[in-house]
Amino acid sequence: MGRVGYETGLGTEAAWTFVVGRGFIAALPAGTPSGITLTLAALVTAPHVEAEELVALLPLGGEHAVEHFAVIIQRAPTDEDGIPVSVVLRGEVAVDVYSVGGSRRFSDASIRPWLLADFRAVTGLTVGSTGRPVASSRALDSGRPFGLGSVFANTLFWSLAEHSQSEAAQADAAQADAAQADAALTDDSPADDATIVRSGAAGRAADADTVLARPAGADTLISDVRAPGQPGPAAGARARARAAEARFAFRLPNGEEIPLDLPCRLGRRPRAPRISATAPVRLIEVASPTSAVSGTHVEIRQEGGSVVVTDLGSTNGTVVAPPRGRRQRLHSGQSLAVLPGTTVHLGDGNIIEILPAAGNTPGQ
C-alpha cells in the first residue's frame, strides 16, 4: 500500500536494516544477527500481521537483544484522509508521522520495554535515527523506490499512493534507468557464462545465450522480493560479475548440496534470461519423467541475509513448506523469503531443502 523509498548518504555506512512487508515496516540496527532479520523477512508476503507478533520475534534480552527497533503496522483504510497506523518503538530510532494537518516526531521517550502508539489518518512516514532532522512532507517521495523485502539504508520513506508519484511514473523511471544501463553493455563487454549443474540428467549442452553480467555499484539489498520481469534497482555501467559469499545453500534430491554464491534456476531444462541486471546464474537440471517440472521452473537466490524462492511461471506451481507454519503454493511469478529448513516442492519427487552454508548457522 503506497510508495516506499530508501536513502543512504554518500560515503556513509547504512545504520538500519529495513524490512518491508505487505502490511508492515520494521527497522532493525544494521548489525542485527541475520537470523532475526530472516525471520521477519519470511513474513513480507503475509497479508496481515499484528505488531505484537512481530515484536515477539525480537529478543529483548540476552546476548542478541535488539535494543533499538521500530515496527509499523498499516491498517485498512477508512473514510478519513489517510490510513490508521500503529507504531512500536524502542531505543535510538524515530518515526516522523505525517497527516493532512502536518507532522510530528514519535520516539520511545526512554519507556521500556517499548512504546506503542496508534495514529488515525496517516499519509506518510519517515523512519531513521533520532538525530536526523525532520523532513518536510515534500520529502516523502524521496529515495530509491523499493518493493517487498529488506534493504540496508539510513532512512526509509513511506507515503500513500495518492500523495506520491504514480506507479506508472515509477515504472517509466525504472525502465529508463534499465535502458541506460543496458546501453553500457556492448558486444565487447566481459561477462561470465552461466554455470550448468545437472541432477539425474544426461549431459546436455548449455544454451548459447546464457551470458550475463552484473552492474557495478549495485545496492546492498537483502531481499528485493518481486516477480520476474519487474525492474530491479537501477545501476550504472556494468562490470565483470563476481560470485557472492555463500551464506546459504540447498540440497538436491540426489543429496548434492549447492551453495548460493550465485542465483540458481532449476527445471527440466532451465534457461537464463538473455540479459540480466543480476549476477550470472547457475542452471540446474532436475529429472521429471512426467514433465510435472517446467523447463525453467523456479529460481532460488541469496540476497544478503535472506533466501528468496521465485516461481518462474511454472505450469504446475511451486509449493514452499517452512520448518514451522503452513505450506504455501506460490502463484506464477511470486517470490517468498524463506528460512533454512524450508523445503521447496517442484513435482515428480523433486524436493529442495534450504540450508545454511557449510560453517554458517541461521543466526550468523
Foldseek 3Di string as FASTA:
>chain_A
DFWKFFAADPPDFFQWKWAAALFKIKIAGPPQFLLLVLVSQLCRDPNADDPVVNVVSAACDDDRHGQWMKMKGWDDADPDQATKMKMKTGDFKWKWFAAPVGIDIDHQPNDPPIDMDMDGGTFKMKMAGNPDDDDGPVCLQDHQIADGAMAGHGMMIGGHCVSYDHPVVNQVVLVVLQVQQVVLDDPPADWDAAAEAEDPDPDDDADPLQTEFAAPPDGQTQDRWFFPPRRDGGGHHTHYADFAPFQKWKAKPVGDIGTQSDKEWEFQAADDDNYDNHHRYYYYHDDDPVRLTPNGAWIWHGRRSWIKIFGQQTPNFKWKAAPDDDIDTADHRGMGTGAFQIWIDRDPPIIMGMGGPPPHDSRD
